[in-house]
Amino acid sequence: MMKLASSQDFETVAVARWGATTLSRQLMGSVTYRLINMASTPAVWVIDPRIRSHDVLVTLVGAQVGHRVMEYTLRHFAHLKESRFTFFHVIPAPPPQIWSYEFIKNEKSFEEQWEKIRRWLDDKTDKVIQIAEKGRQRLIKKGIPEKNITLKLKHQEKGIARDILKEIETGNYGIILIGRKGSKKIRKFQLGSKANKLLYTAHTLITCIIR
């Protein structure tokens, strides 16, 4: 399958979630699993039967992967003129190196630490907003009604993957796009933890894993 895709320069491979031997057990088929975890695989659509709708959830997990996901969305889904497009970003909790309890000695030092956190969050969020705004403008130019395009920013609650799953459950989406992993520099795992959790948990939709 990959030999054919490479020889014909296919950008996307579409596969069912289950194979003939795994359908009754609701497990992911071995072919699908192997395709997703190949480093050279182009974008993969994992199709789960009984798709809910043609509404699209575009997950913007971070700036680097967000650009790739947005470009793919514009190339392959802008023809869905009646669909609802939601750009969704979970604002992550600050990492430990941003918030340092050991440096908090008094009210002034507390305010300094909080200012560091605020700058970090603003920087991460502003980059995603810029990606979303450019994507919104380009979708409008392609004929998507402005009222059908929404940006949702939510602070992390249970975890980024679980917060995305909650949005899927409540939003009646039929298509979700997510990057294979947050950074191309991460070589240890072919599939990032967030994409992996969504792939195994989200059902009755098309899960698009973008390289």
N, C-alpha and C. Protein backbone atom coordinates (compact mmCIF):
# COMPACT_ATOMS: atom_id res chain seq x y z
N MET A 1 0.82 -1.20 0.00
CA MET A 1 0.00 0.00 0.00
C MET A 1 0.87 1.27 0.00
N MET A 2 1.89 1.26 0.84
CA MET A 2 2.77 2.43 0.91
C MET A 2 3.62 2.56 -0.35
N LYS A 3 3.99 1.43 -0.95
CA LYS A 3 4.76 1.46 -2.19
C LYS A 3 3.95 2.14 -3.29
N LEU A 4 2.67 1.82 -3.39
CA LEU A 4 1.80 2.45 -4.37
C LEU A 4 1.62 3.93 -4.08
N ALA A 5 1.39 4.27 -2.82
CA ALA A 5 1.20 5.68 -2.44
C ALA A 5 2.44 6.51 -2.77
N SER A 6 3.62 5.93 -2.53
CA SER A 6 4.86 6.65 -2.81
C SER A 6 5.09 6.82 -4.31
N SER A 7 4.80 5.77 -5.06
CA SER A 7 5.05 5.83 -6.50
C SER A 7 4.12 6.80 -7.21
N GLN A 8 2.93 7.02 -6.65
CA GLN A 8 1.96 7.91 -7.27
C GLN A 8 1.91 9.28 -6.58
N ASP A 9 2.76 9.50 -5.58
CA ASP A 9 2.80 10.78 -4.85
C ASP A 9 1.47 11.13 -4.21
N PHE A 10 0.79 10.13 -3.66
CA PHE A 10 -0.46 10.39 -2.95
C PHE A 10 -0.16 11.14 -1.66
N GLU A 11 -0.98 12.12 -1.36
CA GLU A 11 -0.80 12.89 -0.13
C GLU A 11 -1.59 12.31 1.02
N THR A 12 -2.58 11.48 0.70
CA THR A 12 -3.49 10.96 1.72
C THR A 12 -3.76 9.49 1.49
N VAL A 13 -3.82 8.73 2.59
CA VAL A 13 -4.24 7.33 2.56
C VAL A 13 -5.48 7.22 3.45
N ALA A 14 -6.54 6.63 2.93
CA ALA A 14 -7.78 6.46 3.70
C ALA A 14 -7.97 4.98 4.00
N VAL A 15 -8.19 4.66 5.27
CA VAL A 15 -8.37 3.27 5.69
C VAL A 15 -9.51 3.19 6.70
N ALA A 16 -10.11 2.00 6.80
CA ALA A 16 -11.12 1.77 7.82
C ALA A 16 -10.44 1.55 9.17
N ARG A 17 -11.16 1.84 10.23
CA ARG A 17 -10.60 1.61 11.56
C ARG A 17 -10.38 0.12 11.81
N TRP A 18 -11.32 -0.71 11.35
CA TRP A 18 -11.27 -2.13 11.65
C TRP A 18 -11.02 -2.96 10.40
N GLY A 19 -10.34 -4.07 10.61
CA GLY A 19 -10.21 -5.07 9.56
C GLY A 19 -11.29 -6.13 9.74
N ALA A 20 -11.32 -7.09 8.84
CA ALA A 20 -12.36 -8.12 8.89
C ALA A 20 -12.32 -8.92 10.18
N THR A 21 -11.12 -9.12 10.73
CA THR A 21 -10.99 -9.95 11.93
C THR A 21 -11.15 -9.17 13.23
N THR A 22 -11.18 -7.85 13.15
CA THR A 22 -11.26 -7.04 14.38
C THR A 22 -12.58 -6.32 14.53
N LEU A 23 -13.43 -6.36 13.50
CA LEU A 23 -14.68 -5.61 13.53
C LEU A 23 -15.54 -5.98 14.72
N SER A 24 -15.70 -7.28 14.98
CA SER A 24 -16.58 -7.72 16.06
C SER A 24 -16.06 -7.32 17.42
N ARG A 25 -14.74 -7.12 17.54
CA ARG A 25 -14.15 -6.75 18.84
C ARG A 25 -13.92 -5.26 18.97
N GLN A 26 -14.24 -4.50 17.91
CA GLN A 26 -14.09 -3.05 17.93
C GLN A 26 -12.65 -2.61 18.18
N LEU A 27 -11.68 -3.42 17.70
CA LEU A 27 -10.28 -3.07 17.84
C LEU A 27 -9.76 -2.48 16.54
N MET A 28 -8.70 -1.69 16.64
CA MET A 28 -8.11 -1.15 15.43
C MET A 28 -7.39 -2.25 14.68
N GLY A 29 -7.59 -2.28 13.35
CA GLY A 29 -6.94 -3.29 12.54
C GLY A 29 -5.44 -3.11 12.51
N SER A 30 -4.71 -4.20 12.30
CA SER A 30 -3.25 -4.15 12.31
C SER A 30 -2.70 -3.32 11.15
N VAL A 31 -3.35 -3.38 9.98
CA VAL A 31 -2.89 -2.60 8.83
C VAL A 31 -3.00 -1.11 9.13
N THR A 32 -4.14 -0.71 9.67
CA THR A 32 -4.34 0.70 10.02
C THR A 32 -3.31 1.16 11.05
N TYR A 33 -3.10 0.34 12.07
CA TYR A 33 -2.14 0.69 13.12
C TYR A 33 -0.73 0.87 12.55
N ARG A 34 -0.32 -0.04 11.69
CA ARG A 34 1.02 0.03 11.12
C ARG A 34 1.19 1.24 10.20
N LEU A 35 0.16 1.54 9.42
CA LEU A 35 0.23 2.70 8.54
C LEU A 35 0.43 3.99 9.32
N ILE A 36 -0.33 4.13 10.38
CA ILE A 36 -0.28 5.36 11.17
C ILE A 36 1.09 5.55 11.81
N ASN A 37 1.75 4.47 12.15
CA ASN A 37 3.02 4.55 12.85
C ASN A 37 4.25 4.53 11.96
N MET A 38 4.03 4.51 10.65
CA MET A 38 5.17 4.59 9.73
C MET A 38 5.60 6.04 9.57
N ALA A 39 6.88 6.29 9.71
CA ALA A 39 7.40 7.66 9.64
C ALA A 39 7.16 8.29 8.28
N SER A 40 7.17 7.46 7.22
CA SER A 40 7.04 7.99 5.86
C SER A 40 5.60 8.09 5.37
N THR A 41 4.65 7.68 6.21
CA THR A 41 3.25 7.68 5.78
C THR A 41 2.75 9.10 5.57
N PRO A 42 2.04 9.34 4.46
CA PRO A 42 1.41 10.65 4.30
C PRO A 42 0.24 10.78 5.27
N ALA A 43 -0.58 11.78 5.10
CA ALA A 43 -1.73 11.92 5.98
C ALA A 43 -2.61 10.68 5.90
N VAL A 44 -3.15 10.27 7.04
CA VAL A 44 -4.00 9.07 7.09
C VAL A 44 -5.39 9.46 7.59
N TRP A 45 -6.40 9.04 6.85
CA TRP A 45 -7.78 9.19 7.31
C TRP A 45 -8.23 7.85 7.86
N VAL A 46 -8.56 7.82 9.14
CA VAL A 46 -9.09 6.60 9.76
C VAL A 46 -10.61 6.77 9.82
N ILE A 47 -11.29 5.97 9.03
CA ILE A 47 -12.73 6.16 8.85
C ILE A 47 -13.48 5.18 9.73
N ASP A 48 -14.28 5.74 10.63
CA ASP A 48 -15.12 4.95 11.53
C ASP A 48 -16.54 5.03 10.99
N PRO A 49 -17.18 3.90 10.69
CA PRO A 49 -18.51 3.94 10.05
C PRO A 49 -19.55 4.75 10.82
N ARG A 50 -20.60 5.12 10.08
CA ARG A 50 -21.72 5.92 10.62
C ARG A 50 -21.22 7.30 11.04
N ILE A 51 -20.59 8.01 10.10
CA ILE A 51 -20.07 9.35 10.35
C ILE A 51 -21.23 10.26 10.77
N ARG A 52 -21.02 11.05 11.81
CA ARG A 52 -22.10 11.87 12.37
C ARG A 52 -22.52 13.01 11.44
N SER A 53 -21.52 13.70 10.88
CA SER A 53 -21.83 14.89 10.09
C SER A 53 -20.62 15.24 9.23
N HIS A 54 -20.70 16.35 8.49
CA HIS A 54 -19.57 16.87 7.74
C HIS A 54 -18.94 18.08 8.43
N ASP A 55 -19.33 18.33 9.68
CA ASP A 55 -18.74 19.43 10.42
C ASP A 55 -17.31 19.07 10.82
N VAL A 56 -16.41 20.07 10.78
CA VAL A 56 -14.98 19.82 10.90
C VAL A 56 -14.40 20.46 12.17
N LEU A 57 -13.69 19.66 12.95
CA LEU A 57 -12.98 20.15 14.13
C LEU A 57 -11.50 20.17 13.80
N VAL A 58 -10.93 21.37 13.75
CA VAL A 58 -9.51 21.54 13.41
C VAL A 58 -8.76 21.81 14.71
N THR A 59 -7.98 20.85 15.18
CA THR A 59 -7.29 21.02 16.45
C THR A 59 -5.95 21.72 16.21
N LEU A 60 -5.75 22.81 16.93
CA LEU A 60 -4.52 23.59 16.84
C LEU A 60 -3.77 23.42 18.16
N VAL A 61 -3.06 22.31 18.26
CA VAL A 61 -2.40 21.97 19.52
C VAL A 61 -1.22 22.88 19.80
N GLY A 62 -0.54 23.31 18.76
CA GLY A 62 0.60 24.22 18.91
C GLY A 62 0.89 24.89 17.60
N ALA A 63 1.77 25.88 17.62
CA ALA A 63 2.02 26.68 16.42
C ALA A 63 2.62 25.86 15.29
N GLN A 64 3.63 25.06 15.59
CA GLN A 64 4.32 24.32 14.54
C GLN A 64 3.41 23.33 13.84
N VAL A 65 2.77 22.47 14.60
CA VAL A 65 1.86 21.50 14.00
C VAL A 65 0.58 22.18 13.51
N GLY A 66 0.21 23.29 14.15
CA GLY A 66 -1.00 24.01 13.75
C GLY A 66 -0.93 24.49 12.31
N HIS A 67 0.24 24.96 11.87
CA HIS A 67 0.40 25.40 10.48
C HIS A 67 0.15 24.24 9.52
N ARG A 68 0.70 23.07 9.83
CA ARG A 68 0.53 21.92 8.96
C ARG A 68 -0.94 21.48 8.89
N VAL A 69 -1.58 21.44 10.03
CA VAL A 69 -2.98 21.02 10.08
C VAL A 69 -3.87 22.02 9.33
N MET A 70 -3.60 23.31 9.49
CA MET A 70 -4.41 24.32 8.82
C MET A 70 -4.25 24.25 7.31
N GLU A 71 -3.02 24.10 6.84
CA GLU A 71 -2.79 24.00 5.40
C GLU A 71 -3.51 22.80 4.81
N TYR A 72 -3.48 21.69 5.53
CA TYR A 72 -4.16 20.49 5.05
C TYR A 72 -5.67 20.71 5.01
N THR A 73 -6.19 21.36 6.02
CA THR A 73 -7.62 21.67 6.07
C THR A 73 -8.03 22.50 4.86
N LEU A 74 -7.26 23.52 4.54
CA LEU A 74 -7.59 24.41 3.43
C LEU A 74 -7.51 23.68 2.09
N ARG A 75 -6.58 22.77 1.95
CA ARG A 75 -6.43 22.05 0.69
C ARG A 75 -7.52 21.02 0.46
N HIS A 76 -7.94 20.34 1.52
CA HIS A 76 -8.78 19.16 1.33
C HIS A 76 -10.22 19.28 1.84
N PHE A 77 -10.55 20.32 2.58
CA PHE A 77 -11.90 20.39 3.14
C PHE A 77 -12.64 21.69 2.84
N ALA A 78 -12.00 22.61 2.14
CA ALA A 78 -12.64 23.89 1.85
C ALA A 78 -13.80 23.76 0.88
N HIS A 79 -13.97 22.59 0.27
CA HIS A 79 -15.10 22.38 -0.64
C HIS A 79 -16.40 22.12 0.12
N LEU A 80 -16.30 21.90 1.43
CA LEU A 80 -17.51 21.63 2.23
C LEU A 80 -18.18 22.95 2.60
N LYS A 81 -18.85 23.54 1.64
CA LYS A 81 -19.38 24.90 1.79
C LYS A 81 -20.43 25.03 2.88
N GLU A 82 -21.15 23.96 3.17
CA GLU A 82 -22.21 24.02 4.16
C GLU A 82 -21.76 23.54 5.54
N SER A 83 -20.53 23.13 5.64
CA SER A 83 -20.05 22.57 6.91
C SER A 83 -19.66 23.66 7.90
N ARG A 84 -19.64 23.27 9.16
CA ARG A 84 -19.19 24.15 10.24
C ARG A 84 -17.73 23.83 10.54
N PHE A 85 -16.88 24.84 10.54
CA PHE A 85 -15.46 24.67 10.84
C PHE A 85 -15.17 25.30 12.20
N THR A 86 -14.62 24.50 13.10
CA THR A 86 -14.26 24.99 14.43
C THR A 86 -12.76 24.81 14.63
N PHE A 87 -12.06 25.92 14.83
CA PHE A 87 -10.64 25.88 15.17
C PHE A 87 -10.55 25.80 16.69
N PHE A 88 -10.00 24.72 17.19
CA PHE A 88 -10.07 24.44 18.62
C PHE A 88 -8.67 24.33 19.22
N HIS A 89 -8.44 25.11 20.26
CA HIS A 89 -7.14 25.09 20.93
C HIS A 89 -7.34 25.00 22.44
N VAL A 90 -6.69 24.01 23.03
CA VAL A 90 -6.68 23.88 24.49
C VAL A 90 -5.42 24.57 25.00
N ILE A 91 -5.61 25.62 25.78
CA ILE A 91 -4.47 26.36 26.34
C ILE A 91 -3.83 25.48 27.43
N PRO A 92 -2.60 25.04 27.23
CA PRO A 92 -2.00 24.08 28.16
C PRO A 92 -1.65 24.70 29.51
N ALA A 93 -1.52 23.83 30.49
CA ALA A 93 -1.04 24.28 31.80
C ALA A 93 0.44 24.63 31.67
N PRO A 94 0.89 25.68 32.35
CA PRO A 94 2.31 26.06 32.28
C PRO A 94 3.21 24.92 32.76
N PRO A 95 4.32 24.68 32.10
CA PRO A 95 5.25 23.63 32.53
C PRO A 95 5.94 24.03 33.84
N PRO A 96 6.52 23.08 34.55
CA PRO A 96 7.15 23.35 35.85
C PRO A 96 8.21 24.44 35.81
N GLN A 97 8.95 24.52 34.69
CA GLN A 97 10.03 25.51 34.65
C GLN A 97 9.51 26.94 34.56
N ILE A 98 8.24 27.10 34.23
CA ILE A 98 7.65 28.44 34.19
C ILE A 98 7.20 28.88 35.57
N TRP A 99 6.59 27.94 36.30
CA TRP A 99 6.08 28.25 37.63
C TRP A 99 7.01 27.63 38.67
N SER A 100 7.77 28.43 39.39
CA SER A 100 8.77 27.94 40.34
C SER A 100 8.42 28.41 41.74
N TYR A 101 7.92 27.48 42.56
CA TYR A 101 7.55 27.84 43.93
C TYR A 101 8.74 28.30 44.75
N GLU A 102 9.91 27.77 44.44
CA GLU A 102 11.08 28.09 45.25
C GLU A 102 11.47 29.56 45.18
N PHE A 103 11.02 30.25 44.11
CA PHE A 103 11.37 31.66 43.96
C PHE A 103 10.34 32.59 44.59
N ILE A 104 9.27 32.02 45.12
CA ILE A 104 8.23 32.86 45.73
C ILE A 104 8.57 33.07 47.20
N LYS A 105 8.99 34.28 47.52
CA LYS A 105 9.37 34.61 48.90
C LYS A 105 8.41 35.62 49.52
N ASN A 106 7.81 36.43 48.67
CA ASN A 106 6.91 37.47 49.15
C ASN A 106 5.93 37.82 48.04
N GLU A 107 5.11 38.84 48.29
CA GLU A 107 4.08 39.22 47.33
C GLU A 107 4.70 39.67 46.00
N LYS A 108 5.81 40.39 46.07
CA LYS A 108 6.45 40.87 44.84
C LYS A 108 6.94 39.71 43.98
N SER A 109 7.60 38.74 44.60
CA SER A 109 8.11 37.60 43.85
C SER A 109 6.97 36.76 43.28
N PHE A 110 5.84 36.70 44.01
CA PHE A 110 4.66 36.00 43.49
C PHE A 110 4.15 36.68 42.22
N GLU A 111 4.08 37.99 42.25
CA GLU A 111 3.61 38.74 41.08
C GLU A 111 4.56 38.57 39.90
N GLU A 112 5.86 38.48 40.19
CA GLU A 112 6.83 38.27 39.11
C GLU A 112 6.64 36.90 38.46
N GLN A 113 6.40 35.89 39.31
CA GLN A 113 6.16 34.55 38.77
C GLN A 113 4.88 34.51 37.94
N TRP A 114 3.85 35.15 38.44
CA TRP A 114 2.58 35.18 37.70
C TRP A 114 2.73 35.91 36.37
N GLU A 115 3.54 36.95 36.34
CA GLU A 115 3.79 37.67 35.09
C GLU A 115 4.50 36.78 34.08
N LYS A 116 5.42 35.96 34.53
CA LYS A 116 6.09 35.00 33.64
C LYS A 116 5.08 34.04 33.03
N ILE A 117 4.18 33.55 33.87
CA ILE A 117 3.15 32.62 33.38
C ILE A 117 2.26 33.31 32.36
N ARG A 118 1.84 34.52 32.67
CA ARG A 118 0.95 35.26 31.76
C ARG A 118 1.61 35.47 30.40
N ARG A 119 2.88 35.86 30.41
CA ARG A 119 3.60 36.07 29.14
C ARG A 119 3.71 34.78 28.35
N TRP A 120 3.98 33.69 29.05
CA TRP A 120 4.11 32.39 28.38
C TRP A 120 2.78 31.99 27.74
N LEU A 121 1.68 32.11 28.49
CA LEU A 121 0.36 31.76 27.97
C LEU A 121 -0.03 32.66 26.80
N ASP A 122 0.22 33.95 26.93
CA ASP A 122 -0.13 34.89 25.86
C ASP A 122 0.64 34.58 24.59
N ASP A 123 1.92 34.25 24.75
CA ASP A 123 2.73 33.95 23.57
C ASP A 123 2.21 32.72 22.84
N LYS A 124 1.91 31.65 23.59
CA LYS A 124 1.39 30.43 22.98
C LYS A 124 0.04 30.67 22.32
N THR A 125 -0.82 31.40 23.00
CA THR A 125 -2.18 31.63 22.50
C THR A 125 -2.18 32.55 21.29
N ASP A 126 -1.36 33.60 21.33
CA ASP A 126 -1.31 34.55 20.21
C ASP A 126 -0.89 33.87 18.91
N LYS A 127 0.04 32.94 18.98
CA LYS A 127 0.48 32.23 17.78
C LYS A 127 -0.65 31.42 17.17
N VAL A 128 -1.42 30.77 18.02
CA VAL A 128 -2.54 29.97 17.53
C VAL A 128 -3.63 30.87 16.94
N ILE A 129 -3.89 32.00 17.59
CA ILE A 129 -4.90 32.93 17.08
C ILE A 129 -4.50 33.44 15.69
N GLN A 130 -3.23 33.71 15.49
CA GLN A 130 -2.75 34.17 14.18
C GLN A 130 -2.98 33.11 13.11
N ILE A 131 -2.69 31.85 13.44
CA ILE A 131 -2.92 30.76 12.50
C ILE A 131 -4.41 30.65 12.17
N ALA A 132 -5.25 30.72 13.21
CA ALA A 132 -6.69 30.60 13.02
C ALA A 132 -7.24 31.75 12.18
N GLU A 133 -6.77 32.95 12.41
CA GLU A 133 -7.28 34.11 11.67
C GLU A 133 -6.91 34.01 10.19
N LYS A 134 -5.68 33.61 9.91
CA LYS A 134 -5.28 33.45 8.50
C LYS A 134 -6.11 32.34 7.84
N GLY A 135 -6.34 31.26 8.58
CA GLY A 135 -7.15 30.17 8.06
C GLY A 135 -8.58 30.61 7.81
N ARG A 136 -9.12 31.39 8.73
CA ARG A 136 -10.50 31.89 8.59
C ARG A 136 -10.64 32.73 7.32
N GLN A 137 -9.70 33.64 7.11
CA GLN A 137 -9.76 34.51 5.94
C GLN A 137 -9.68 33.70 4.65
N ARG A 138 -8.83 32.69 4.63
CA ARG A 138 -8.67 31.89 3.43
C ARG A 138 -9.89 31.01 3.17
N LEU A 139 -10.51 30.50 4.23
CA LEU A 139 -11.75 29.73 4.06
C LEU A 139 -12.87 30.60 3.51
N ILE A 140 -12.95 31.82 4.00
CA ILE A 140 -13.98 32.74 3.51
C ILE A 140 -13.78 33.02 2.02
N LYS A 141 -12.52 33.21 1.62
CA LYS A 141 -12.22 33.45 0.20
C LYS A 141 -12.59 32.25 -0.66
N LYS A 142 -12.55 31.06 -0.06
CA LYS A 142 -12.89 29.84 -0.79
C LYS A 142 -14.39 29.57 -0.79
N GLY A 143 -15.15 30.44 -0.14
CA GLY A 143 -16.61 30.31 -0.20
C GLY A 143 -17.29 29.79 1.04
N ILE A 144 -16.55 29.57 2.13
CA ILE A 144 -17.18 29.14 3.38
C ILE A 144 -17.81 30.35 4.06
N PRO A 145 -19.10 30.30 4.41
CA PRO A 145 -19.74 31.44 5.09
C PRO A 145 -19.01 31.79 6.39
N GLU A 146 -18.83 33.06 6.64
CA GLU A 146 -18.12 33.50 7.84
C GLU A 146 -18.78 32.97 9.10
N LYS A 147 -20.10 32.88 9.09
CA LYS A 147 -20.83 32.42 10.29
C LYS A 147 -20.57 30.95 10.60
N ASN A 148 -20.00 30.23 9.64
CA ASN A 148 -19.72 28.80 9.84
C ASN A 148 -18.32 28.54 10.39
N ILE A 149 -17.57 29.60 10.68
CA ILE A 149 -16.20 29.45 11.16
C ILE A 149 -16.07 30.00 12.57
N THR A 150 -15.59 29.18 13.48
CA THR A 150 -15.49 29.57 14.89
C THR A 150 -14.12 29.22 15.45
N LEU A 151 -13.60 30.09 16.30
CA LEU A 151 -12.39 29.80 17.07
C LEU A 151 -12.77 29.58 18.52
N LYS A 152 -12.38 28.43 19.07
CA LYS A 152 -12.64 28.14 20.48
C LYS A 152 -11.31 27.97 21.21
N LEU A 153 -11.12 28.76 22.25
CA LEU A 153 -9.95 28.65 23.11
C LEU A 153 -10.43 28.24 24.50
N LYS A 154 -9.87 27.17 25.04
CA LYS A 154 -10.27 26.71 26.36
C LYS A 154 -9.04 26.36 27.18
N HIS A 155 -9.04 26.77 28.43
CA HIS A 155 -7.93 26.39 29.31
C HIS A 155 -8.02 24.89 29.61
N GLN A 156 -6.87 24.27 29.70
CA GLN A 156 -6.82 22.84 29.97
C GLN A 156 -7.53 22.51 31.28
N GLU A 157 -8.37 21.47 31.22
CA GLU A 157 -9.07 21.03 32.41
C GLU A 157 -8.59 19.63 32.83
N LYS A 158 -8.97 18.61 32.05
CA LYS A 158 -8.59 17.24 32.39
C LYS A 158 -7.33 16.78 31.68
N GLY A 159 -6.95 17.49 30.65
CA GLY A 159 -5.84 17.08 29.81
C GLY A 159 -6.19 17.45 28.38
N ILE A 160 -5.19 17.76 27.56
CA ILE A 160 -5.47 18.27 26.22
C ILE A 160 -6.27 17.26 25.41
N ALA A 161 -5.86 15.99 25.38
CA ALA A 161 -6.58 14.98 24.59
C ALA A 161 -8.00 14.79 25.12
N ARG A 162 -8.16 14.71 26.43
CA ARG A 162 -9.49 14.51 27.00
C ARG A 162 -10.38 15.73 26.80
N ASP A 163 -9.79 16.92 26.81
CA ASP A 163 -10.58 18.12 26.56
C ASP A 163 -11.04 18.18 25.09
N ILE A 164 -10.19 17.70 24.18
CA ILE A 164 -10.60 17.63 22.77
C ILE A 164 -11.71 16.61 22.61
N LEU A 165 -11.61 15.47 23.28
CA LEU A 165 -12.65 14.45 23.21
C LEU A 165 -13.98 14.98 23.73
N LYS A 166 -13.92 15.78 24.77
CA LYS A 166 -15.15 16.37 25.30
C LYS A 166 -15.80 17.28 24.27
N GLU A 167 -14.99 18.05 23.54
CA GLU A 167 -15.51 18.92 22.49
C GLU A 167 -16.13 18.08 21.36
N ILE A 168 -15.49 16.97 21.03
CA ILE A 168 -16.04 16.07 20.01
C ILE A 168 -17.41 15.55 20.42
N GLU A 169 -17.51 15.14 21.67
CA GLU A 169 -18.76 14.56 22.17
C GLU A 169 -19.91 15.56 22.15
N THR A 170 -19.60 16.81 22.45
CA THR A 170 -20.67 17.81 22.56
C THR A 170 -20.90 18.59 21.27
N GLY A 171 -20.00 18.46 20.29
CA GLY A 171 -20.10 19.30 19.10
C GLY A 171 -20.64 18.66 17.85
N ASN A 172 -20.93 17.36 17.88
CA ASN A 172 -21.49 16.66 16.72
C ASN A 172 -20.61 16.78 15.49
N TYR A 173 -19.31 16.64 15.67
CA TYR A 173 -18.38 16.71 14.54
C TYR A 173 -18.29 15.36 13.84
N GLY A 174 -18.08 15.41 12.53
CA GLY A 174 -17.89 14.19 11.77
C GLY A 174 -16.48 14.03 11.26
N ILE A 175 -15.68 15.09 11.38
CA ILE A 175 -14.30 15.08 10.89
C ILE A 175 -13.43 15.80 11.92
N ILE A 176 -12.33 15.20 12.30
CA ILE A 176 -11.37 15.87 13.18
C ILE A 176 -9.99 15.78 12.56
N LEU A 177 -9.26 16.89 12.58
CA LEU A 177 -7.89 16.92 12.07
C LEU A 177 -6.94 17.22 13.22
N ILE A 178 -5.86 16.43 13.27
CA ILE A 178 -4.86 16.63 14.31
C ILE A 178 -3.49 16.23 13.75
N GLY A 179 -2.45 16.91 14.20
CA GLY A 179 -1.10 16.58 13.77
C GLY A 179 -0.65 15.26 14.35
N ARG A 180 0.18 14.54 13.59
CA ARG A 180 0.69 13.25 14.07
C ARG A 180 1.43 13.40 15.38
N LYS A 181 2.22 14.48 15.50
CA LYS A 181 2.90 14.76 16.76
C LYS A 181 3.17 16.25 16.81
N GLY A 182 3.38 16.77 18.00
CA GLY A 182 3.49 18.20 18.18
C GLY A 182 4.69 18.84 17.52
N SER A 183 5.76 18.09 17.33
CA SER A 183 6.96 18.64 16.73
C SER A 183 7.63 17.60 15.86
N LYS A 184 8.10 18.04 14.68
CA LYS A 184 8.82 17.13 13.79
C LYS A 184 10.16 16.70 14.40
N LYS A 185 10.62 17.43 15.41
CA LYS A 185 11.90 17.13 16.03
C LYS A 185 11.81 15.90 16.93
N ILE A 186 10.59 15.54 17.32
CA ILE A 186 10.41 14.40 18.21
C ILE A 186 10.47 13.12 17.37
N ARG A 187 11.54 12.37 17.48
CA ARG A 187 11.73 11.19 16.65
C ARG A 187 11.46 9.89 17.38
N LYS A 188 11.42 9.91 18.69
CA LYS A 188 11.32 8.67 19.44
C LYS A 188 10.01 7.94 19.15
N PHE A 189 8.92 8.70 19.04
CA PHE A 189 7.62 8.10 18.78
C PHE A 189 7.09 8.60 17.45
N GLN A 190 6.55 7.69 16.63
CA GLN A 190 5.99 8.08 15.35
C GLN A 190 4.65 8.78 15.52
N LEU A 191 3.92 8.46 16.58
CA LEU A 191 2.62 9.06 16.83
C LEU A 191 2.62 9.70 18.21
N GLY A 192 2.29 10.98 18.28
CA GLY A 192 2.28 11.68 19.56
C GLY A 192 1.19 11.15 20.49
N SER A 193 1.33 11.43 21.76
CA SER A 193 0.40 10.89 22.76
C SER A 193 -1.02 11.42 22.56
N LYS A 194 -1.15 12.69 22.19
CA LYS A 194 -2.49 13.25 22.01
C LYS A 194 -3.19 12.62 20.82
N ALA A 195 -2.47 12.51 19.70
CA ALA A 195 -3.06 11.88 18.51
C ALA A 195 -3.40 10.43 18.79
N ASN A 196 -2.55 9.74 19.53
CA ASN A 196 -2.79 8.34 19.85
C ASN A 196 -4.05 8.16 20.68
N LYS A 197 -4.23 8.99 21.71
CA LYS A 197 -5.42 8.91 22.56
C LYS A 197 -6.69 9.20 21.77
N LEU A 198 -6.63 10.22 20.91
CA LEU A 198 -7.81 10.57 20.12
C LEU A 198 -8.15 9.46 19.13
N LEU A 199 -7.14 8.88 18.53
CA LEU A 199 -7.35 7.85 17.54
C LEU A 199 -8.06 6.65 18.13
N TYR A 200 -7.68 6.27 19.34
CA TYR A 200 -8.25 5.09 19.97
C TYR A 200 -9.60 5.36 20.65
N THR A 201 -9.89 6.62 20.93
CA THR A 201 -11.08 6.93 21.73
C THR A 201 -12.20 7.56 20.92
N ALA A 202 -11.87 8.38 19.93
CA ALA A 202 -12.90 9.07 19.14
C ALA A 202 -13.52 8.11 18.12
N HIS A 203 -14.84 8.04 18.09
CA HIS A 203 -15.52 7.11 17.20
C HIS A 203 -16.61 7.83 16.39
N THR A 204 -17.13 7.11 15.38
CA THR A 204 -18.17 7.58 14.46
C THR A 204 -17.80 8.90 13.80
N LEU A 205 -16.56 8.99 13.34
CA LEU A 205 -16.12 10.15 12.57
C LEU A 205 -14.87 9.78 11.78
N ILE A 206 -14.38 10.73 10.99
CA ILE A 206 -13.14 10.55 10.26
C ILE A 206 -12.03 11.25 11.04
N THR A 207 -11.06 10.50 11.50
CA THR A 207 -9.92 11.06 12.21
C THR A 207 -8.76 11.23 11.22
N CYS A 208 -8.38 12.47 10.97
CA CYS A 208 -7.33 12.76 10.00
C CYS A 208 -6.02 13.04 10.74
N ILE A 209 -5.06 12.15 10.56
CA ILE A 209 -3.75 12.30 11.19
C ILE A 209 -2.81 12.93 10.18
N ILE A 210 -2.35 14.15 10.46
CA ILE A 210 -1.55 14.93 9.50
C ILE A 210 -0.07 14.79 9.83
N ARG A 211 0.73 14.51 8.83
CA ARG A 211 2.17 14.37 9.03
C ARG A 211 2.80 15.72 9.30
